Amino acid sequence: MSDEISREERSKRLAEALLKGWRMLPETCPVCGSPLFETPGGEVVCAVCGTKVILVQSEEDVKIEKQKLILEKIIGDLVRYLEREIYEAKEELSNERIERINSLLDAIDKASSIYKSLTHQEKRHR
């Protein structure tokens, strides 16, 4: 990707990141080799190619981040299933449909709880 972006465009994107208040980090992007930036929201991003990066300090952090990514996907899938159930419930609200909606809500709650505990565990590691 770095070959596709001119030197002038790279410089422009780096300057824009600094003007936005992003903090330049000593680490570089694994995709294009440009400096990484930390946004005010705490995300680590390459200002040149847009790649989002998760910085870790240990193998345990890698394990936790992988688990969190899996949970994010699971929660997203569950929310989509819930949205479909709610949309279809406009046509009929049977006991069976209410049970499916409740089951989905319980599963989302459990996955969110696990995600939060992983986040707390990760903070203790650092």
N, C-alpha and C. Protein backbone atom coordinates (compact mmCIF):
# COMPACT_ATOMS: atom_id res chain seq x y z
N MET A 1 0.83 -1.19 0.00
CA MET A 1 0.00 0.00 0.00
C MET A 1 0.87 1.25 0.00
N SER A 2 2.04 1.21 0.69
CA SER A 2 2.87 2.40 0.79
C SER A 2 3.39 2.83 -0.57
N ASP A 3 3.54 1.90 -1.53
CA ASP A 3 4.00 2.26 -2.86
C ASP A 3 2.96 3.07 -3.61
N GLU A 4 1.67 2.87 -3.27
CA GLU A 4 0.59 3.55 -3.96
C GLU A 4 0.41 4.99 -3.52
N ILE A 5 0.97 5.35 -2.37
CA ILE A 5 0.78 6.69 -1.81
C ILE A 5 2.05 7.50 -2.03
N SER A 6 1.90 8.66 -2.63
CA SER A 6 3.07 9.50 -2.92
C SER A 6 3.68 10.03 -1.62
N ARG A 7 4.93 10.41 -1.71
CA ARG A 7 5.63 10.97 -0.55
C ARG A 7 4.90 12.20 -0.03
N GLU A 8 4.40 13.02 -0.95
CA GLU A 8 3.66 14.24 -0.56
C GLU A 8 2.38 13.89 0.17
N GLU A 9 1.67 12.89 -0.32
CA GLU A 9 0.41 12.47 0.32
C GLU A 9 0.69 11.88 1.71
N ARG A 10 1.76 11.11 1.84
CA ARG A 10 2.14 10.54 3.14
C ARG A 10 2.38 11.66 4.14
N SER A 11 3.16 12.65 3.72
CA SER A 11 3.47 13.79 4.60
C SER A 11 2.21 14.53 4.99
N LYS A 12 1.32 14.69 4.04
CA LYS A 12 0.06 15.39 4.31
C LYS A 12 -0.76 14.64 5.36
N ARG A 13 -0.87 13.33 5.21
CA ARG A 13 -1.65 12.53 6.15
C ARG A 13 -1.03 12.53 7.55
N LEU A 14 0.29 12.49 7.62
CA LEU A 14 0.97 12.52 8.91
C LEU A 14 0.73 13.87 9.59
N ALA A 15 0.83 14.95 8.82
CA ALA A 15 0.59 16.29 9.37
C ALA A 15 -0.85 16.44 9.85
N GLU A 16 -1.80 15.91 9.08
CA GLU A 16 -3.22 15.98 9.47
C GLU A 16 -3.46 15.26 10.80
N ALA A 17 -2.79 14.12 10.99
CA ALA A 17 -2.94 13.36 12.24
C ALA A 17 -2.45 14.20 13.41
N LEU A 18 -1.32 14.86 13.24
CA LEU A 18 -0.79 15.70 14.32
C LEU A 18 -1.72 16.87 14.60
N LEU A 19 -2.28 17.45 13.55
CA LEU A 19 -3.20 18.57 13.73
C LEU A 19 -4.49 18.15 14.44
N LYS A 20 -4.87 16.88 14.28
CA LYS A 20 -6.06 16.36 14.96
C LYS A 20 -5.78 16.10 16.44
N GLY A 21 -4.53 16.21 16.84
CA GLY A 21 -4.18 15.94 18.23
C GLY A 21 -3.78 14.50 18.49
N TRP A 22 -3.54 13.74 17.42
CA TRP A 22 -3.11 12.36 17.60
C TRP A 22 -1.66 12.37 18.06
N ARG A 23 -1.31 11.41 18.92
CA ARG A 23 0.05 11.33 19.46
C ARG A 23 0.84 10.30 18.66
N MET A 24 1.99 10.73 18.11
CA MET A 24 2.83 9.83 17.35
C MET A 24 3.54 8.86 18.30
N LEU A 25 3.54 7.59 17.93
CA LEU A 25 4.15 6.54 18.73
C LEU A 25 5.47 6.10 18.10
N PRO A 26 6.33 5.45 18.86
CA PRO A 26 7.59 4.98 18.29
C PRO A 26 7.42 3.74 17.39
N GLU A 27 6.30 3.05 17.51
CA GLU A 27 6.05 1.86 16.71
C GLU A 27 5.65 2.24 15.29
N THR A 28 5.87 1.32 14.36
CA THR A 28 5.51 1.57 12.96
C THR A 28 4.42 0.61 12.50
N CYS A 29 3.73 1.02 11.45
CA CYS A 29 2.63 0.24 10.88
C CYS A 29 3.17 -1.06 10.27
N PRO A 30 2.54 -2.19 10.59
CA PRO A 30 2.98 -3.46 10.00
C PRO A 30 2.64 -3.57 8.52
N VAL A 31 1.78 -2.69 8.02
CA VAL A 31 1.38 -2.75 6.62
C VAL A 31 2.25 -1.87 5.74
N CYS A 32 2.41 -0.58 6.14
CA CYS A 32 3.12 0.36 5.26
C CYS A 32 4.41 0.93 5.86
N GLY A 33 4.68 0.65 7.13
CA GLY A 33 5.93 1.11 7.74
C GLY A 33 5.92 2.54 8.24
N SER A 34 4.81 3.22 8.16
CA SER A 34 4.71 4.59 8.64
C SER A 34 4.55 4.60 10.16
N PRO A 35 4.83 5.75 10.80
CA PRO A 35 4.64 5.82 12.24
C PRO A 35 3.18 5.60 12.62
N LEU A 36 2.96 4.94 13.75
CA LEU A 36 1.61 4.76 14.26
C LEU A 36 1.26 5.94 15.16
N PHE A 37 -0.05 6.19 15.30
CA PHE A 37 -0.55 7.28 16.12
C PHE A 37 -1.59 6.74 17.08
N GLU A 38 -1.66 7.37 18.25
CA GLU A 38 -2.73 7.07 19.20
C GLU A 38 -3.72 8.22 19.15
N THR A 39 -4.98 7.89 18.90
CA THR A 39 -6.02 8.91 18.83
C THR A 39 -6.42 9.31 20.24
N PRO A 40 -7.10 10.45 20.40
CA PRO A 40 -7.58 10.84 21.73
C PRO A 40 -8.46 9.78 22.38
N GLY A 41 -9.12 8.95 21.57
CA GLY A 41 -9.97 7.88 22.09
C GLY A 41 -9.20 6.63 22.47
N GLY A 42 -7.88 6.62 22.25
CA GLY A 42 -7.06 5.49 22.65
C GLY A 42 -6.80 4.46 21.57
N GLU A 43 -7.37 4.64 20.38
CA GLU A 43 -7.12 3.71 19.28
C GLU A 43 -5.73 3.96 18.72
N VAL A 44 -5.07 2.89 18.27
CA VAL A 44 -3.78 3.02 17.60
C VAL A 44 -4.03 2.81 16.12
N VAL A 45 -3.65 3.83 15.33
CA VAL A 45 -3.99 3.86 13.91
C VAL A 45 -2.80 4.33 13.09
N CYS A 46 -2.70 3.81 11.88
CA CYS A 46 -1.73 4.34 10.93
C CYS A 46 -2.43 5.48 10.17
N ALA A 47 -1.87 6.67 10.25
CA ALA A 47 -2.48 7.83 9.60
C ALA A 47 -2.34 7.75 8.09
N VAL A 48 -1.40 6.95 7.60
CA VAL A 48 -1.15 6.88 6.17
C VAL A 48 -2.09 5.90 5.48
N CYS A 49 -2.13 4.65 5.97
CA CYS A 49 -2.96 3.64 5.28
C CYS A 49 -4.26 3.31 6.01
N GLY A 50 -4.42 3.83 7.25
CA GLY A 50 -5.67 3.62 7.98
C GLY A 50 -5.76 2.33 8.76
N THR A 51 -4.70 1.54 8.78
CA THR A 51 -4.71 0.28 9.51
C THR A 51 -4.84 0.54 11.01
N LYS A 52 -5.74 -0.21 11.66
CA LYS A 52 -5.88 -0.14 13.12
C LYS A 52 -5.01 -1.25 13.70
N VAL A 53 -4.30 -0.93 14.77
CA VAL A 53 -3.34 -1.86 15.36
C VAL A 53 -3.63 -2.01 16.84
N ILE A 54 -3.42 -3.20 17.34
CA ILE A 54 -3.52 -3.45 18.78
C ILE A 54 -2.10 -3.73 19.27
N LEU A 55 -1.61 -2.87 20.16
CA LEU A 55 -0.28 -3.06 20.72
C LEU A 55 -0.39 -3.90 21.98
N VAL A 56 0.48 -4.90 22.09
CA VAL A 56 0.46 -5.77 23.26
C VAL A 56 1.86 -5.83 23.86
N GLN A 57 1.90 -6.15 25.15
CA GLN A 57 3.18 -6.20 25.86
C GLN A 57 3.63 -7.62 26.20
N SER A 58 2.71 -8.57 26.12
CA SER A 58 3.07 -9.94 26.49
C SER A 58 2.24 -10.94 25.70
N GLU A 59 2.64 -12.19 25.80
CA GLU A 59 1.88 -13.26 25.15
C GLU A 59 0.48 -13.38 25.76
N GLU A 60 0.36 -13.09 27.05
CA GLU A 60 -0.94 -13.14 27.71
C GLU A 60 -1.86 -12.07 27.10
N ASP A 61 -1.29 -10.88 26.80
CA ASP A 61 -2.07 -9.82 26.17
C ASP A 61 -2.55 -10.25 24.78
N VAL A 62 -1.70 -10.97 24.05
CA VAL A 62 -2.09 -11.46 22.72
C VAL A 62 -3.29 -12.39 22.86
N LYS A 63 -3.21 -13.29 23.82
CA LYS A 63 -4.31 -14.25 24.06
C LYS A 63 -5.61 -13.50 24.40
N ILE A 64 -5.50 -12.52 25.29
CA ILE A 64 -6.68 -11.74 25.69
C ILE A 64 -7.26 -10.99 24.51
N GLU A 65 -6.42 -10.37 23.70
CA GLU A 65 -6.91 -9.61 22.54
C GLU A 65 -7.60 -10.52 21.53
N LYS A 66 -7.05 -11.71 21.32
CA LYS A 66 -7.69 -12.66 20.41
C LYS A 66 -9.08 -13.05 20.92
N GLN A 67 -9.16 -13.30 22.23
CA GLN A 67 -10.45 -13.65 22.82
C GLN A 67 -11.44 -12.50 22.69
N LYS A 68 -10.97 -11.29 22.90
CA LYS A 68 -11.85 -10.12 22.78
C LYS A 68 -12.35 -9.96 21.35
N LEU A 69 -11.48 -10.18 20.37
CA LEU A 69 -11.91 -10.08 18.96
C LEU A 69 -12.97 -11.12 18.63
N ILE A 70 -12.79 -12.33 19.14
CA ILE A 70 -13.79 -13.39 18.91
C ILE A 70 -15.11 -13.00 19.55
N LEU A 71 -15.05 -12.48 20.78
CA LEU A 71 -16.28 -12.07 21.46
C LEU A 71 -16.97 -10.91 20.74
N GLU A 72 -16.19 -9.97 20.21
CA GLU A 72 -16.78 -8.86 19.45
C GLU A 72 -17.57 -9.40 18.26
N LYS A 73 -17.01 -10.40 17.57
CA LYS A 73 -17.71 -10.99 16.43
C LYS A 73 -18.98 -11.71 16.89
N ILE A 74 -18.86 -12.47 17.96
CA ILE A 74 -20.02 -13.20 18.49
C ILE A 74 -21.13 -12.22 18.89
N ILE A 75 -20.76 -11.17 19.61
CA ILE A 75 -21.77 -10.18 20.04
C ILE A 75 -22.41 -9.53 18.83
N GLY A 76 -21.61 -9.18 17.83
CA GLY A 76 -22.16 -8.58 16.61
C GLY A 76 -23.15 -9.51 15.92
N ASP A 77 -22.79 -10.79 15.82
CA ASP A 77 -23.70 -11.78 15.21
C ASP A 77 -24.98 -11.91 16.02
N LEU A 78 -24.86 -11.98 17.34
CA LEU A 78 -26.05 -12.10 18.18
C LEU A 78 -26.97 -10.89 18.04
N VAL A 79 -26.39 -9.70 17.95
CA VAL A 79 -27.19 -8.48 17.80
C VAL A 79 -27.93 -8.52 16.46
N ARG A 80 -27.25 -8.98 15.41
CA ARG A 80 -27.93 -9.09 14.11
C ARG A 80 -29.10 -10.08 14.17
N TYR A 81 -28.88 -11.23 14.83
CA TYR A 81 -29.97 -12.20 14.99
C TYR A 81 -31.13 -11.58 15.77
N LEU A 82 -30.81 -10.85 16.82
CA LEU A 82 -31.83 -10.19 17.63
C LEU A 82 -32.61 -9.17 16.79
N GLU A 83 -31.90 -8.38 16.01
CA GLU A 83 -32.58 -7.40 15.15
C GLU A 83 -33.54 -8.09 14.18
N ARG A 84 -33.11 -9.23 13.64
CA ARG A 84 -33.98 -9.97 12.71
C ARG A 84 -35.21 -10.49 13.43
N GLU A 85 -35.02 -11.03 14.62
CA GLU A 85 -36.16 -11.54 15.41
C GLU A 85 -37.15 -10.42 15.72
N ILE A 86 -36.62 -9.27 16.12
CA ILE A 86 -37.49 -8.13 16.46
C ILE A 86 -38.23 -7.64 15.22
N TYR A 87 -37.51 -7.58 14.08
CA TYR A 87 -38.15 -7.14 12.85
C TYR A 87 -39.28 -8.10 12.46
N GLU A 88 -39.01 -9.40 12.56
CA GLU A 88 -40.02 -10.39 12.20
C GLU A 88 -41.14 -10.46 13.24
N ALA A 89 -40.87 -10.00 14.45
CA ALA A 89 -41.89 -10.03 15.51
C ALA A 89 -43.03 -9.07 15.22
N LYS A 90 -42.81 -8.12 14.33
CA LYS A 90 -43.87 -7.19 13.97
C LYS A 90 -45.05 -7.94 13.35
N GLU A 91 -44.73 -9.04 12.71
CA GLU A 91 -45.77 -9.84 12.06
C GLU A 91 -46.50 -10.73 13.06
N GLU A 92 -45.73 -11.33 13.99
CA GLU A 92 -46.33 -12.20 15.00
C GLU A 92 -45.44 -12.22 16.23
N LEU A 93 -46.03 -12.16 17.37
CA LEU A 93 -45.26 -12.21 18.62
C LEU A 93 -45.69 -13.44 19.40
N SER A 94 -45.21 -14.58 18.94
CA SER A 94 -45.56 -15.85 19.58
C SER A 94 -44.67 -16.07 20.80
N ASN A 95 -45.09 -17.02 21.62
CA ASN A 95 -44.28 -17.39 22.79
C ASN A 95 -42.91 -17.90 22.36
N GLU A 96 -42.89 -18.63 21.27
CA GLU A 96 -41.62 -19.17 20.75
C GLU A 96 -40.67 -18.03 20.37
N ARG A 97 -41.20 -17.01 19.72
CA ARG A 97 -40.37 -15.87 19.30
C ARG A 97 -39.88 -15.10 20.52
N ILE A 98 -40.72 -14.93 21.52
CA ILE A 98 -40.33 -14.24 22.76
C ILE A 98 -39.20 -15.02 23.44
N GLU A 99 -39.29 -16.35 23.45
CA GLU A 99 -38.23 -17.17 24.04
C GLU A 99 -36.92 -17.00 23.28
N ARG A 100 -36.98 -16.95 21.94
CA ARG A 100 -35.76 -16.75 21.15
C ARG A 100 -35.15 -15.38 21.43
N ILE A 101 -36.00 -14.35 21.54
CA ILE A 101 -35.50 -13.00 21.83
C ILE A 101 -34.85 -12.98 23.21
N ASN A 102 -35.50 -13.59 24.19
CA ASN A 102 -34.93 -13.65 25.54
C ASN A 102 -33.61 -14.42 25.57
N SER A 103 -33.53 -15.51 24.82
CA SER A 103 -32.29 -16.29 24.76
C SER A 103 -31.16 -15.48 24.14
N LEU A 104 -31.50 -14.74 23.08
CA LEU A 104 -30.49 -13.89 22.45
C LEU A 104 -30.01 -12.79 23.40
N LEU A 105 -30.95 -12.19 24.12
CA LEU A 105 -30.57 -11.14 25.09
C LEU A 105 -29.67 -11.71 26.18
N ASP A 106 -30.00 -12.92 26.66
CA ASP A 106 -29.16 -13.56 27.68
C ASP A 106 -27.75 -13.84 27.13
N ALA A 107 -27.69 -14.35 25.90
CA ALA A 107 -26.39 -14.65 25.30
C ALA A 107 -25.56 -13.39 25.11
N ILE A 108 -26.19 -12.30 24.68
CA ILE A 108 -25.48 -11.02 24.52
C ILE A 108 -24.97 -10.55 25.87
N ASP A 109 -25.80 -10.67 26.90
CA ASP A 109 -25.40 -10.25 28.24
C ASP A 109 -24.20 -11.07 28.74
N LYS A 110 -24.23 -12.37 28.54
CA LYS A 110 -23.13 -13.23 28.99
C LYS A 110 -21.84 -12.91 28.23
N ALA A 111 -21.94 -12.76 26.91
CA ALA A 111 -20.75 -12.46 26.10
C ALA A 111 -20.17 -11.10 26.48
N SER A 112 -21.05 -10.13 26.74
CA SER A 112 -20.59 -8.79 27.16
C SER A 112 -19.90 -8.85 28.51
N SER A 113 -20.42 -9.65 29.40
CA SER A 113 -19.83 -9.80 30.72
C SER A 113 -18.43 -10.42 30.62
N ILE A 114 -18.28 -11.42 29.79
CA ILE A 114 -16.98 -12.05 29.59
C ILE A 114 -16.01 -11.04 28.98
N TYR A 115 -16.49 -10.26 28.02
CA TYR A 115 -15.66 -9.24 27.37
C TYR A 115 -15.16 -8.23 28.41
N LYS A 116 -16.06 -7.79 29.28
CA LYS A 116 -15.67 -6.82 30.32
C LYS A 116 -14.64 -7.42 31.26
N SER A 117 -14.81 -8.68 31.62
CA SER A 117 -13.83 -9.30 32.54
C SER A 117 -12.47 -9.43 31.86
N LEU A 118 -12.45 -9.71 30.55
CA LEU A 118 -11.18 -9.77 29.83
C LEU A 118 -10.51 -8.40 29.79
N THR A 119 -11.32 -7.35 29.63
CA THR A 119 -10.79 -6.00 29.60
C THR A 119 -10.17 -5.64 30.95
N HIS A 120 -10.83 -6.02 32.04
CA HIS A 120 -10.28 -5.77 33.38
C HIS A 120 -9.00 -6.58 33.60
N GLN A 121 -9.02 -7.82 33.13
CA GLN A 121 -7.84 -8.69 33.26
C GLN A 121 -6.67 -8.08 32.49
N GLU A 122 -6.95 -7.55 31.32
CA GLU A 122 -5.92 -6.94 30.49
C GLU A 122 -5.33 -5.71 31.18
N LYS A 123 -6.17 -4.90 31.81
CA LYS A 123 -5.69 -3.69 32.49
C LYS A 123 -4.78 -4.06 33.67
N ARG A 124 -5.10 -5.15 34.36
CA ARG A 124 -4.26 -5.58 35.49
C ARG A 124 -2.89 -6.03 35.02
N HIS A 125 -2.82 -6.59 33.81
CA HIS A 125 -1.56 -7.07 33.25
C HIS A 125 -0.60 -5.95 32.92
N ARG A 126 -1.14 -4.78 32.61
CA ARG A 126 -0.30 -3.68 32.14
C ARG A 126 0.23 -2.85 33.24
